[in-house]
Amino acid sequence: MSSEPTDTNEIEYGVETELSERELLSIGKIVALWGSLEYEIFCQTLRSFSDSEISGGRLPKAINNMQFSEVLELWETRVVNKAAGKRKEVLQKQCESIPYHHDFRNALVHGMWDWSVGAPEKITAIRIRKKEIRKTHFTADDLASFASALETINFKVRYPGGREDYATAMSEQGAYLSRRAVCAMTGHPLADELFRYPLAKVKETSQG
C-alpha cells in the first residue's frame, strides 16, 4: 500500500480471521460436509413420497426445506423408521447423533469468532440466541474431529449397509471419474490443490 486512495486507485481493506490453515481447512470441510448431509437427507425424504404426491403438491411444509430440523424429523418418520434390520439400527444412531452435531455446526457458521490471550490455541464462537449469549470453544483438534465425525455420518446415511451398500451403489453408478481424476488426466492446475490433502477413507459401518 504505497499510495493514498484516489478515485482511480482506491485501497481496499480487509479483516484478518486469525485462524490457522489447519483450522480453516477443518471449518471448510465441516461446512461442505454438512451441506452434503442436509442435501442427502432431503433427497432421501423426498424420494419417500410417490410421484403422484409430488406432482399433486401433497407434500408437508417441511419439504420446503426452510428448517433442517423439520426435514430431519420427516426423514426419521418416513425413511429411518421404515428401514429394516441392521440398516435401521445404523440409521437410527445417525438420527440421534445429527442433532448433537447440528448445534456445534450452528455455532461455527452463525457465531462471532474470538480467542483468549491466555489460551491462544482455543477459539470461541459467540452467538446470541433468545437473548442469551452462548459461547462454544474449539481447538484445532476439536475441529478436525468434528469434520471426521461428519465424514462418518455422511457415509452411514448413504450406505447404512456398509461396504456392501457402497459397492452396490458404485456398480449401479457405472463409469465415473472423480474430480481428482479429471484434473489429473487433463493436467488441470487444480490437481495440485486436490492432491495436497489425503482422501477420506471409506468407513465400515458394521458397528453402527
N, C-alpha and C. Protein backbone atom coordinates (compact mmCIF):
# COMPACT_ATOMS: atom_id res chain seq x y z
N MET A 1 0.85 -1.17 0.00
CA MET A 1 0.00 0.00 0.00
C MET A 1 0.90 1.24 0.00
N SER A 2 1.27 1.67 -1.17
CA SER A 2 2.27 2.72 -1.27
C SER A 2 1.70 4.08 -1.62
N SER A 3 0.41 4.16 -1.83
CA SER A 3 -0.16 5.44 -2.24
C SER A 3 -1.47 5.69 -1.53
N GLU A 4 -1.86 6.94 -1.47
CA GLU A 4 -3.13 7.32 -0.87
C GLU A 4 -4.27 6.92 -1.82
N PRO A 5 -5.43 6.58 -1.31
CA PRO A 5 -6.55 6.22 -2.19
C PRO A 5 -7.00 7.39 -3.04
N THR A 6 -7.28 7.10 -4.27
CA THR A 6 -7.79 8.11 -5.19
C THR A 6 -9.02 7.53 -5.87
N ASP A 7 -9.62 8.34 -6.73
CA ASP A 7 -10.81 7.87 -7.45
C ASP A 7 -10.49 6.67 -8.33
N THR A 8 -9.27 6.59 -8.84
CA THR A 8 -8.91 5.52 -9.77
C THR A 8 -8.04 4.44 -9.11
N ASN A 9 -7.52 4.73 -7.93
CA ASN A 9 -6.63 3.78 -7.27
C ASN A 9 -6.98 3.73 -5.79
N GLU A 10 -8.07 3.04 -5.47
CA GLU A 10 -8.57 3.03 -4.11
C GLU A 10 -8.04 1.82 -3.35
N ILE A 11 -7.57 2.04 -2.14
CA ILE A 11 -7.08 0.96 -1.32
C ILE A 11 -8.26 0.19 -0.72
N GLU A 12 -8.18 -1.13 -0.78
CA GLU A 12 -9.21 -1.96 -0.18
C GLU A 12 -8.66 -2.61 1.08
N TYR A 13 -9.43 -2.53 2.14
CA TYR A 13 -9.01 -3.09 3.42
C TYR A 13 -9.81 -4.35 3.72
N GLY A 14 -9.25 -5.23 4.52
CA GLY A 14 -9.94 -6.45 4.91
C GLY A 14 -9.63 -6.79 6.36
N VAL A 15 -10.38 -7.70 6.90
CA VAL A 15 -10.21 -8.13 8.29
C VAL A 15 -9.58 -9.52 8.30
N GLU A 16 -8.54 -9.70 9.10
CA GLU A 16 -7.87 -10.99 9.23
C GLU A 16 -8.65 -11.88 10.19
N THR A 17 -8.84 -13.15 9.82
CA THR A 17 -9.58 -14.07 10.68
C THR A 17 -8.74 -14.55 11.86
N GLU A 18 -7.44 -14.53 11.72
CA GLU A 18 -6.51 -15.03 12.73
C GLU A 18 -6.70 -16.51 13.03
N LEU A 19 -7.18 -17.24 12.04
CA LEU A 19 -7.31 -18.68 12.14
C LEU A 19 -6.16 -19.34 11.39
N SER A 20 -5.70 -20.47 11.91
CA SER A 20 -4.61 -21.18 11.26
C SER A 20 -5.10 -21.89 10.00
N GLU A 21 -4.16 -22.32 9.17
CA GLU A 21 -4.53 -23.04 7.94
C GLU A 21 -5.27 -24.33 8.29
N ARG A 22 -4.83 -25.01 9.34
CA ARG A 22 -5.48 -26.25 9.74
C ARG A 22 -6.90 -25.99 10.23
N GLU A 23 -7.08 -24.92 11.00
CA GLU A 23 -8.42 -24.58 11.48
C GLU A 23 -9.34 -24.24 10.32
N LEU A 24 -8.84 -23.45 9.38
CA LEU A 24 -9.64 -23.06 8.22
C LEU A 24 -9.99 -24.27 7.36
N LEU A 25 -9.03 -25.20 7.22
CA LEU A 25 -9.29 -26.40 6.44
C LEU A 25 -10.42 -27.21 7.06
N SER A 26 -10.36 -27.40 8.38
CA SER A 26 -11.39 -28.18 9.06
C SER A 26 -12.76 -27.50 9.00
N ILE A 27 -12.77 -26.18 9.17
CA ILE A 27 -14.04 -25.45 9.11
C ILE A 27 -14.65 -25.58 7.72
N GLY A 28 -13.81 -25.46 6.69
CA GLY A 28 -14.31 -25.61 5.32
C GLY A 28 -14.88 -27.00 5.08
N LYS A 29 -14.21 -28.03 5.60
CA LYS A 29 -14.70 -29.40 5.45
C LYS A 29 -16.03 -29.58 6.17
N ILE A 30 -16.13 -28.98 7.37
CA ILE A 30 -17.36 -29.09 8.14
C ILE A 30 -18.53 -28.48 7.39
N VAL A 31 -18.33 -27.29 6.85
CA VAL A 31 -19.39 -26.61 6.11
C VAL A 31 -19.80 -27.43 4.88
N ALA A 32 -18.81 -27.93 4.13
CA ALA A 32 -19.11 -28.71 2.92
C ALA A 32 -19.80 -30.03 3.26
N LEU A 33 -19.31 -30.71 4.30
CA LEU A 33 -19.88 -31.99 4.68
C LEU A 33 -21.30 -31.83 5.23
N TRP A 34 -21.52 -30.74 5.96
CA TRP A 34 -22.87 -30.53 6.50
C TRP A 34 -23.86 -30.24 5.37
N GLY A 35 -23.44 -29.44 4.41
CA GLY A 35 -24.30 -29.16 3.26
C GLY A 35 -24.63 -30.44 2.51
N SER A 36 -23.64 -31.31 2.36
CA SER A 36 -23.86 -32.59 1.68
C SER A 36 -24.82 -33.47 2.46
N LEU A 37 -24.70 -33.45 3.79
CA LEU A 37 -25.57 -34.24 4.65
C LEU A 37 -27.02 -33.77 4.55
N GLU A 38 -27.22 -32.47 4.63
CA GLU A 38 -28.58 -31.92 4.53
C GLU A 38 -29.20 -32.28 3.18
N TYR A 39 -28.41 -32.18 2.12
CA TYR A 39 -28.91 -32.47 0.78
C TYR A 39 -29.32 -33.94 0.66
N GLU A 40 -28.48 -34.84 1.18
CA GLU A 40 -28.78 -36.27 1.09
C GLU A 40 -30.04 -36.63 1.87
N ILE A 41 -30.17 -36.09 3.07
CA ILE A 41 -31.35 -36.38 3.88
C ILE A 41 -32.61 -35.82 3.23
N PHE A 42 -32.50 -34.64 2.65
CA PHE A 42 -33.64 -34.06 1.95
C PHE A 42 -34.05 -34.94 0.77
N CYS A 43 -33.07 -35.38 -0.02
CA CYS A 43 -33.38 -36.20 -1.20
C CYS A 43 -33.97 -37.54 -0.81
N GLN A 44 -33.44 -38.17 0.24
CA GLN A 44 -34.00 -39.44 0.70
C GLN A 44 -35.44 -39.26 1.16
N THR A 45 -35.69 -38.16 1.84
CA THR A 45 -37.05 -37.89 2.32
C THR A 45 -37.99 -37.64 1.16
N LEU A 46 -37.55 -36.85 0.19
CA LEU A 46 -38.39 -36.56 -0.96
C LEU A 46 -38.71 -37.82 -1.75
N ARG A 47 -37.73 -38.72 -1.88
CA ARG A 47 -37.95 -39.96 -2.62
C ARG A 47 -38.93 -40.90 -1.91
N SER A 48 -39.21 -40.63 -0.64
CA SER A 48 -40.16 -41.48 0.09
C SER A 48 -41.60 -41.19 -0.30
N PHE A 49 -41.83 -40.11 -1.03
CA PHE A 49 -43.16 -39.76 -1.49
C PHE A 49 -43.37 -40.29 -2.91
N SER A 50 -44.60 -40.59 -3.24
CA SER A 50 -44.91 -41.09 -4.57
C SER A 50 -44.89 -39.96 -5.59
N ASP A 51 -44.80 -40.32 -6.87
CA ASP A 51 -44.81 -39.33 -7.94
C ASP A 51 -46.11 -38.53 -7.91
N SER A 52 -47.21 -39.21 -7.61
CA SER A 52 -48.50 -38.51 -7.60
C SER A 52 -48.57 -37.51 -6.44
N GLU A 53 -47.98 -37.86 -5.32
CA GLU A 53 -47.96 -36.93 -4.18
C GLU A 53 -47.13 -35.71 -4.52
N ILE A 54 -46.00 -35.94 -5.21
CA ILE A 54 -45.12 -34.83 -5.57
C ILE A 54 -45.77 -33.94 -6.62
N SER A 55 -46.29 -34.57 -7.71
CA SER A 55 -46.89 -33.79 -8.79
C SER A 55 -48.17 -33.11 -8.33
N GLY A 56 -48.86 -33.73 -7.37
CA GLY A 56 -50.11 -33.14 -6.90
C GLY A 56 -49.93 -32.12 -5.80
N GLY A 57 -48.68 -31.87 -5.43
CA GLY A 57 -48.40 -30.88 -4.40
C GLY A 57 -48.83 -31.29 -3.01
N ARG A 58 -48.95 -32.62 -2.80
CA ARG A 58 -49.41 -33.11 -1.50
C ARG A 58 -48.21 -33.46 -0.62
N LEU A 59 -47.40 -32.47 -0.37
CA LEU A 59 -46.20 -32.65 0.43
C LEU A 59 -46.28 -31.79 1.69
N PRO A 60 -45.75 -32.25 2.80
CA PRO A 60 -45.79 -31.46 4.03
C PRO A 60 -44.93 -30.21 3.93
N LYS A 61 -45.21 -29.24 4.77
CA LYS A 61 -44.50 -27.97 4.73
C LYS A 61 -43.00 -28.14 4.96
N ALA A 62 -42.61 -29.18 5.70
CA ALA A 62 -41.19 -29.40 5.99
C ALA A 62 -40.36 -29.56 4.72
N ILE A 63 -41.00 -30.05 3.65
CA ILE A 63 -40.29 -30.26 2.39
C ILE A 63 -39.91 -28.94 1.73
N ASN A 64 -40.43 -27.83 2.22
CA ASN A 64 -39.97 -26.53 1.73
C ASN A 64 -38.50 -26.32 2.07
N ASN A 65 -37.98 -27.15 2.99
CA ASN A 65 -36.57 -27.16 3.34
C ASN A 65 -36.10 -25.86 3.97
N MET A 66 -36.99 -25.19 4.70
CA MET A 66 -36.62 -23.96 5.37
C MET A 66 -35.93 -24.25 6.71
N GLN A 67 -36.32 -25.35 7.36
CA GLN A 67 -35.75 -25.74 8.63
C GLN A 67 -35.25 -27.18 8.54
N PHE A 68 -33.93 -27.36 8.68
CA PHE A 68 -33.38 -28.71 8.57
C PHE A 68 -33.93 -29.62 9.66
N SER A 69 -34.18 -29.08 10.85
CA SER A 69 -34.69 -29.90 11.94
C SER A 69 -36.03 -30.53 11.58
N GLU A 70 -36.86 -29.81 10.81
CA GLU A 70 -38.15 -30.35 10.41
C GLU A 70 -37.98 -31.44 9.35
N VAL A 71 -37.05 -31.24 8.44
CA VAL A 71 -36.76 -32.27 7.44
C VAL A 71 -36.21 -33.51 8.12
N LEU A 72 -35.38 -33.31 9.13
CA LEU A 72 -34.79 -34.43 9.86
C LEU A 72 -35.87 -35.28 10.54
N GLU A 73 -36.86 -34.62 11.12
CA GLU A 73 -37.97 -35.35 11.75
C GLU A 73 -38.75 -36.16 10.71
N LEU A 74 -38.96 -35.55 9.56
CA LEU A 74 -39.68 -36.25 8.49
C LEU A 74 -38.86 -37.43 7.97
N TRP A 75 -37.56 -37.24 7.86
CA TRP A 75 -36.66 -38.31 7.42
C TRP A 75 -36.72 -39.49 8.40
N GLU A 76 -36.74 -39.18 9.68
CA GLU A 76 -36.81 -40.23 10.69
C GLU A 76 -38.10 -41.03 10.55
N THR A 77 -39.21 -40.33 10.32
CA THR A 77 -40.51 -41.00 10.21
C THR A 77 -40.64 -41.82 8.94
N ARG A 78 -40.23 -41.25 7.82
CA ARG A 78 -40.51 -41.86 6.52
C ARG A 78 -39.38 -42.75 5.99
N VAL A 79 -38.16 -42.53 6.47
CA VAL A 79 -37.03 -43.31 5.96
C VAL A 79 -36.42 -44.20 7.04
N VAL A 80 -36.01 -43.60 8.13
CA VAL A 80 -35.33 -44.36 9.18
C VAL A 80 -36.23 -45.43 9.79
N ASN A 81 -37.43 -45.03 10.20
CA ASN A 81 -38.34 -45.96 10.87
C ASN A 81 -38.87 -47.05 9.96
N LYS A 82 -38.75 -46.86 8.66
CA LYS A 82 -39.24 -47.87 7.72
C LYS A 82 -38.13 -48.78 7.22
N ALA A 83 -36.89 -48.49 7.63
CA ALA A 83 -35.78 -49.37 7.28
C ALA A 83 -35.89 -50.65 8.10
N ALA A 84 -35.07 -51.63 7.76
CA ALA A 84 -35.16 -52.92 8.46
C ALA A 84 -33.78 -53.40 8.90
N GLY A 85 -33.78 -54.23 9.95
CA GLY A 85 -32.57 -54.90 10.39
C GLY A 85 -31.45 -53.97 10.77
N LYS A 86 -30.23 -54.36 10.36
CA LYS A 86 -29.03 -53.60 10.70
C LYS A 86 -29.06 -52.20 10.12
N ARG A 87 -29.62 -52.05 8.93
CA ARG A 87 -29.68 -50.73 8.30
C ARG A 87 -30.49 -49.76 9.16
N LYS A 88 -31.58 -50.24 9.70
CA LYS A 88 -32.41 -49.38 10.56
C LYS A 88 -31.62 -48.97 11.80
N GLU A 89 -30.92 -49.91 12.38
CA GLU A 89 -30.13 -49.61 13.59
C GLU A 89 -29.07 -48.56 13.30
N VAL A 90 -28.39 -48.69 12.17
CA VAL A 90 -27.35 -47.72 11.79
C VAL A 90 -27.95 -46.34 11.57
N LEU A 91 -29.07 -46.28 10.84
CA LEU A 91 -29.72 -45.00 10.56
C LEU A 91 -30.25 -44.34 11.83
N GLN A 92 -30.78 -45.14 12.73
CA GLN A 92 -31.28 -44.58 13.99
C GLN A 92 -30.17 -43.91 14.79
N LYS A 93 -28.99 -44.53 14.79
CA LYS A 93 -27.87 -43.95 15.52
C LYS A 93 -27.43 -42.63 14.89
N GLN A 94 -27.50 -42.54 13.58
CA GLN A 94 -27.15 -41.28 12.92
C GLN A 94 -28.21 -40.22 13.23
N CYS A 95 -29.45 -40.65 13.27
CA CYS A 95 -30.55 -39.73 13.56
C CYS A 95 -30.42 -39.16 14.97
N GLU A 96 -29.90 -39.95 15.89
CA GLU A 96 -29.68 -39.47 17.25
C GLU A 96 -28.46 -38.55 17.33
N SER A 97 -27.47 -38.82 16.50
CA SER A 97 -26.21 -38.08 16.55
C SER A 97 -26.28 -36.72 15.84
N ILE A 98 -27.05 -36.64 14.77
CA ILE A 98 -27.08 -35.43 13.95
C ILE A 98 -27.51 -34.18 14.73
N PRO A 99 -28.59 -34.22 15.55
CA PRO A 99 -28.97 -33.01 16.29
C PRO A 99 -27.85 -32.50 17.21
N TYR A 100 -27.11 -33.42 17.82
CA TYR A 100 -25.99 -33.03 18.69
C TYR A 100 -24.95 -32.25 17.90
N HIS A 101 -24.59 -32.76 16.73
CA HIS A 101 -23.60 -32.09 15.89
C HIS A 101 -24.16 -30.81 15.26
N HIS A 102 -25.49 -30.76 15.09
CA HIS A 102 -26.11 -29.60 14.48
C HIS A 102 -25.85 -28.34 15.30
N ASP A 103 -25.88 -28.47 16.61
CA ASP A 103 -25.66 -27.31 17.47
C ASP A 103 -24.24 -26.77 17.32
N PHE A 104 -23.27 -27.67 17.22
CA PHE A 104 -21.89 -27.23 17.03
C PHE A 104 -21.70 -26.61 15.65
N ARG A 105 -22.36 -27.18 14.66
CA ARG A 105 -22.28 -26.61 13.30
C ARG A 105 -22.83 -25.20 13.29
N ASN A 106 -23.97 -24.99 13.96
CA ASN A 106 -24.56 -23.65 14.01
C ASN A 106 -23.66 -22.67 14.73
N ALA A 107 -22.98 -23.14 15.77
CA ALA A 107 -22.05 -22.26 16.48
C ALA A 107 -20.94 -21.80 15.55
N LEU A 108 -20.44 -22.70 14.72
CA LEU A 108 -19.37 -22.36 13.79
C LEU A 108 -19.85 -21.40 12.70
N VAL A 109 -21.00 -21.70 12.15
CA VAL A 109 -21.49 -20.95 10.99
C VAL A 109 -22.10 -19.60 11.37
N HIS A 110 -22.79 -19.56 12.50
CA HIS A 110 -23.53 -18.35 12.88
C HIS A 110 -22.86 -17.55 14.00
N GLY A 111 -21.74 -18.06 14.52
CA GLY A 111 -21.11 -17.39 15.64
C GLY A 111 -20.11 -16.31 15.23
N MET A 112 -19.79 -15.45 16.18
CA MET A 112 -18.73 -14.46 16.03
C MET A 112 -17.48 -15.03 16.69
N TRP A 113 -16.34 -14.92 16.03
CA TRP A 113 -15.13 -15.60 16.48
C TRP A 113 -14.31 -14.74 17.42
N ASP A 114 -13.72 -15.40 18.41
CA ASP A 114 -12.86 -14.70 19.37
C ASP A 114 -11.81 -15.69 19.89
N TRP A 115 -10.80 -15.15 20.58
CA TRP A 115 -9.78 -16.01 21.17
C TRP A 115 -9.23 -15.32 22.40
N SER A 116 -8.52 -16.08 23.24
CA SER A 116 -8.02 -15.57 24.51
C SER A 116 -6.49 -15.49 24.49
N VAL A 117 -5.96 -14.40 25.03
CA VAL A 117 -4.51 -14.25 25.12
C VAL A 117 -3.93 -15.36 26.01
N GLY A 118 -4.67 -15.75 27.03
CA GLY A 118 -4.19 -16.78 27.94
C GLY A 118 -4.20 -18.18 27.36
N ALA A 119 -5.01 -18.40 26.31
CA ALA A 119 -5.10 -19.73 25.67
C ALA A 119 -5.31 -19.53 24.17
N PRO A 120 -4.29 -19.06 23.46
CA PRO A 120 -4.45 -18.75 22.03
C PRO A 120 -4.75 -19.96 21.16
N GLU A 121 -4.54 -21.18 21.70
CA GLU A 121 -4.83 -22.38 20.91
C GLU A 121 -6.32 -22.68 20.86
N LYS A 122 -7.09 -21.96 21.66
CA LYS A 122 -8.53 -22.19 21.74
C LYS A 122 -9.28 -21.03 21.10
N ILE A 123 -10.24 -21.36 20.23
CA ILE A 123 -11.07 -20.33 19.62
C ILE A 123 -12.49 -20.45 20.15
N THR A 124 -13.18 -19.33 20.20
CA THR A 124 -14.53 -19.30 20.78
C THR A 124 -15.51 -18.72 19.78
N ALA A 125 -16.59 -19.46 19.54
CA ALA A 125 -17.67 -18.97 18.69
C ALA A 125 -18.76 -18.43 19.60
N ILE A 126 -19.08 -17.13 19.45
CA ILE A 126 -20.06 -16.48 20.32
C ILE A 126 -21.30 -16.15 19.49
N ARG A 127 -22.45 -16.49 20.02
CA ARG A 127 -23.70 -16.16 19.33
C ARG A 127 -24.77 -15.82 20.36
N ILE A 128 -25.76 -15.09 19.91
CA ILE A 128 -26.87 -14.70 20.78
C ILE A 128 -28.11 -15.45 20.32
N ARG A 129 -28.71 -16.18 21.25
CA ARG A 129 -29.89 -16.97 20.92
C ARG A 129 -30.93 -16.76 22.01
N LYS A 130 -32.07 -16.23 21.61
CA LYS A 130 -33.15 -15.91 22.54
C LYS A 130 -32.64 -15.07 23.71
N LYS A 131 -31.91 -14.00 23.36
CA LYS A 131 -31.37 -13.04 24.32
C LYS A 131 -30.32 -13.63 25.26
N GLU A 132 -29.86 -14.83 24.95
CA GLU A 132 -28.83 -15.47 25.76
C GLU A 132 -27.52 -15.53 24.99
N ILE A 133 -26.42 -15.11 25.62
CA ILE A 133 -25.11 -15.18 24.99
C ILE A 133 -24.56 -16.60 25.18
N ARG A 134 -24.27 -17.27 24.06
CA ARG A 134 -23.79 -18.64 24.12
C ARG A 134 -22.38 -18.70 23.54
N LYS A 135 -21.48 -19.37 24.25
CA LYS A 135 -20.10 -19.49 23.81
C LYS A 135 -19.75 -20.97 23.63
N THR A 136 -19.15 -21.29 22.50
CA THR A 136 -18.70 -22.65 22.21
C THR A 136 -17.22 -22.60 21.91
N HIS A 137 -16.44 -23.42 22.60
CA HIS A 137 -14.99 -23.39 22.47
C HIS A 137 -14.51 -24.56 21.59
N PHE A 138 -13.53 -24.26 20.74
CA PHE A 138 -12.96 -25.26 19.86
C PHE A 138 -11.45 -25.13 19.84
N THR A 139 -10.77 -26.26 19.69
CA THR A 139 -9.35 -26.27 19.35
C THR A 139 -9.24 -26.81 17.93
N ALA A 140 -8.05 -26.76 17.36
CA ALA A 140 -7.85 -27.32 16.02
C ALA A 140 -8.16 -28.81 16.02
N ASP A 141 -7.80 -29.51 17.10
CA ASP A 141 -8.10 -30.94 17.19
C ASP A 141 -9.61 -31.18 17.24
N ASP A 142 -10.33 -30.32 17.97
CA ASP A 142 -11.79 -30.44 18.04
C ASP A 142 -12.41 -30.31 16.65
N LEU A 143 -11.94 -29.33 15.89
CA LEU A 143 -12.49 -29.10 14.56
C LEU A 143 -12.18 -30.27 13.63
N ALA A 144 -10.96 -30.81 13.73
CA ALA A 144 -10.60 -31.96 12.89
C ALA A 144 -11.46 -33.17 13.26
N SER A 145 -11.71 -33.37 14.55
CA SER A 145 -12.55 -34.49 15.00
C SER A 145 -13.98 -34.31 14.52
N PHE A 146 -14.47 -33.08 14.56
CA PHE A 146 -15.82 -32.77 14.10
C PHE A 146 -15.95 -33.10 12.61
N ALA A 147 -14.97 -32.68 11.82
CA ALA A 147 -15.00 -32.97 10.39
C ALA A 147 -14.97 -34.47 10.13
N SER A 148 -14.16 -35.20 10.89
CA SER A 148 -14.08 -36.64 10.73
C SER A 148 -15.40 -37.32 11.08
N ALA A 149 -16.04 -36.82 12.14
CA ALA A 149 -17.34 -37.38 12.54
C ALA A 149 -18.38 -37.17 11.45
N LEU A 150 -18.35 -36.00 10.80
CA LEU A 150 -19.31 -35.73 9.73
C LEU A 150 -19.04 -36.61 8.51
N GLU A 151 -17.78 -36.93 8.24
CA GLU A 151 -17.47 -37.85 7.15
C GLU A 151 -18.13 -39.20 7.40
N THR A 152 -18.02 -39.67 8.65
CA THR A 152 -18.60 -40.96 9.02
C THR A 152 -20.13 -40.93 8.93
N ILE A 153 -20.73 -39.88 9.46
CA ILE A 153 -22.19 -39.76 9.42
C ILE A 153 -22.68 -39.73 7.97
N ASN A 154 -22.02 -38.96 7.13
CA ASN A 154 -22.41 -38.89 5.72
C ASN A 154 -22.36 -40.26 5.08
N PHE A 155 -21.30 -41.01 5.36
CA PHE A 155 -21.17 -42.34 4.77
C PHE A 155 -22.29 -43.26 5.23
N LYS A 156 -22.56 -43.26 6.54
CA LYS A 156 -23.56 -44.18 7.09
C LYS A 156 -24.98 -43.82 6.67
N VAL A 157 -25.25 -42.54 6.48
CA VAL A 157 -26.57 -42.13 5.99
C VAL A 157 -26.77 -42.62 4.56
N ARG A 158 -25.72 -42.57 3.75
CA ARG A 158 -25.82 -43.01 2.36
C ARG A 158 -25.76 -44.54 2.23
N TYR A 159 -24.91 -45.15 3.04
CA TYR A 159 -24.67 -46.59 2.91
C TYR A 159 -24.82 -47.28 4.27
N PRO A 160 -26.03 -47.37 4.80
CA PRO A 160 -26.23 -47.97 6.12
C PRO A 160 -25.86 -49.44 6.18
N GLY A 161 -25.76 -50.08 5.01
CA GLY A 161 -25.35 -51.48 4.96
C GLY A 161 -23.85 -51.65 4.88
N GLY A 162 -23.11 -50.54 4.97
CA GLY A 162 -21.65 -50.60 4.96
C GLY A 162 -21.06 -50.78 3.57
N ARG A 163 -19.97 -51.53 3.52
CA ARG A 163 -19.23 -51.70 2.26
C ARG A 163 -20.09 -52.35 1.18
N GLU A 164 -20.98 -53.23 1.59
CA GLU A 164 -21.84 -53.88 0.61
C GLU A 164 -22.73 -52.87 -0.09
N ASP A 165 -23.35 -51.97 0.68
CA ASP A 165 -24.17 -50.91 0.09
C ASP A 165 -23.33 -50.01 -0.80
N TYR A 166 -22.14 -49.69 -0.33
CA TYR A 166 -21.25 -48.81 -1.10
C TYR A 166 -20.88 -49.45 -2.44
N ALA A 167 -20.51 -50.74 -2.41
CA ALA A 167 -20.13 -51.44 -3.63
C ALA A 167 -21.30 -51.52 -4.60
N THR A 168 -22.49 -51.77 -4.07
CA THR A 168 -23.68 -51.83 -4.92
C THR A 168 -23.95 -50.49 -5.59
N ALA A 169 -23.83 -49.41 -4.80
CA ALA A 169 -24.07 -48.07 -5.35
C ALA A 169 -23.06 -47.73 -6.43
N MET A 170 -21.81 -48.11 -6.23
CA MET A 170 -20.78 -47.82 -7.23
C MET A 170 -21.01 -48.61 -8.51
N SER A 171 -21.45 -49.87 -8.37
CA SER A 171 -21.70 -50.68 -9.57
C SER A 171 -22.89 -50.15 -10.36
N GLU A 172 -23.91 -49.67 -9.64
CA GLU A 172 -25.08 -49.11 -10.31
C GLU A 172 -24.76 -47.78 -10.98
N GLN A 173 -23.82 -47.07 -10.41
CA GLN A 173 -23.44 -45.76 -10.95
C GLN A 173 -22.69 -45.90 -12.26
N GLY A 174 -21.98 -47.04 -12.44
CA GLY A 174 -21.24 -47.26 -13.67
C GLY A 174 -19.96 -46.44 -13.72
N ALA A 175 -19.49 -46.20 -14.92
CA ALA A 175 -18.24 -45.47 -15.11
C ALA A 175 -18.34 -44.07 -14.51
N TYR A 176 -17.37 -43.74 -13.69
CA TYR A 176 -17.39 -42.44 -13.03
C TYR A 176 -15.96 -41.96 -12.82
N LEU A 177 -15.72 -40.71 -13.14
CA LEU A 177 -14.42 -40.10 -12.91
C LEU A 177 -14.57 -39.04 -11.83
N SER A 178 -13.78 -39.17 -10.79
CA SER A 178 -13.82 -38.19 -9.72
C SER A 178 -13.24 -36.86 -10.19
N ARG A 179 -13.46 -35.84 -9.41
CA ARG A 179 -12.91 -34.52 -9.72
C ARG A 179 -11.38 -34.58 -9.75
N ARG A 180 -10.82 -35.33 -8.81
CA ARG A 180 -9.37 -35.50 -8.78
C ARG A 180 -8.87 -36.16 -10.07
N ALA A 181 -9.56 -37.23 -10.49
CA ALA A 181 -9.13 -37.97 -11.67
C ALA A 181 -9.20 -37.10 -12.92
N VAL A 182 -10.29 -36.35 -13.07
CA VAL A 182 -10.44 -35.48 -14.25
C VAL A 182 -9.32 -34.46 -14.30
N CYS A 183 -9.03 -33.83 -13.17
CA CYS A 183 -7.99 -32.81 -13.13
C CYS A 183 -6.61 -33.41 -13.39
N ALA A 184 -6.36 -34.62 -12.86
CA ALA A 184 -5.07 -35.28 -13.07
C ALA A 184 -4.88 -35.67 -14.53
N MET A 185 -5.94 -36.20 -15.15
CA MET A 185 -5.86 -36.66 -16.54
C MET A 185 -5.73 -35.51 -17.52
N THR A 186 -6.33 -34.36 -17.18
CA THR A 186 -6.30 -33.22 -18.10
C THR A 186 -5.18 -32.25 -17.80
N GLY A 187 -4.44 -32.51 -16.71
CA GLY A 187 -3.36 -31.60 -16.34
C GLY A 187 -3.86 -30.28 -15.80
N HIS A 188 -5.10 -30.26 -15.29
CA HIS A 188 -5.65 -29.01 -14.76
C HIS A 188 -4.88 -28.60 -13.50
N PRO A 189 -4.56 -27.30 -13.38
CA PRO A 189 -3.79 -26.84 -12.22
C PRO A 189 -4.47 -27.10 -10.87
N LEU A 190 -5.79 -27.33 -10.87
CA LEU A 190 -6.49 -27.62 -9.63
C LEU A 190 -6.03 -28.94 -9.02
N ALA A 191 -5.43 -29.81 -9.84
CA ALA A 191 -4.97 -31.11 -9.33
C ALA A 191 -3.98 -30.94 -8.18
N ASP A 192 -3.13 -29.92 -8.26
CA ASP A 192 -2.16 -29.70 -7.19
C ASP A 192 -2.85 -29.47 -5.85
N GLU A 193 -3.96 -28.75 -5.87
CA GLU A 193 -4.69 -28.49 -4.63
C GLU A 193 -5.44 -29.73 -4.17
N LEU A 194 -6.05 -30.44 -5.12
CA LEU A 194 -6.85 -31.61 -4.75
C LEU A 194 -6.00 -32.75 -4.19
N PHE A 195 -4.75 -32.87 -4.66
CA PHE A 195 -3.88 -33.93 -4.18
C PHE A 195 -3.03 -33.50 -3.00
N ARG A 196 -3.23 -32.28 -2.55
CA ARG A 196 -2.44 -31.78 -1.43
C ARG A 196 -2.83 -32.45 -0.12
N TYR A 197 -4.12 -32.81 -0.03
CA TYR A 197 -4.63 -33.43 1.19
C TYR A 197 -5.13 -34.83 0.87
N PRO A 198 -4.96 -35.78 1.81
CA PRO A 198 -5.35 -37.17 1.55
C PRO A 198 -6.85 -37.34 1.45
N LEU A 199 -7.25 -38.36 0.70
CA LEU A 199 -8.67 -38.70 0.60
C LEU A 199 -9.16 -39.30 1.91
N ALA A 200 -10.44 -39.07 2.22
CA ALA A 200 -11.03 -39.72 3.39
C ALA A 200 -11.18 -41.21 3.10
N LYS A 201 -10.94 -42.02 4.11
CA LYS A 201 -11.07 -43.45 3.94
C LYS A 201 -12.54 -43.86 3.91
N VAL A 202 -12.82 -44.93 3.15
CA VAL A 202 -14.17 -45.50 3.17
C VAL A 202 -14.36 -46.14 4.54
N LYS A 203 -15.39 -45.78 5.23
CA LYS A 203 -15.58 -46.23 6.60
C LYS A 203 -16.55 -47.39 6.69
N GLU A 204 -16.18 -48.42 7.42
CA GLU A 204 -17.04 -49.57 7.63
C GLU A 204 -18.14 -49.21 8.63
N THR A 205 -19.32 -49.76 8.43
CA THR A 205 -20.44 -49.43 9.30
C THR A 205 -20.92 -50.63 10.11
N SER A 206 -20.14 -51.67 10.19
CA SER A 206 -20.60 -52.89 10.85
C SER A 206 -20.89 -52.68 12.32
N GLN A 207 -20.25 -51.67 12.93
CA GLN A 207 -20.50 -51.40 14.33
C GLN A 207 -21.59 -50.36 14.54
N GLY A 208 -22.21 -49.89 13.43
CA GLY A 208 -23.28 -48.91 13.53
C GLY A 208 -22.73 -47.53 13.71
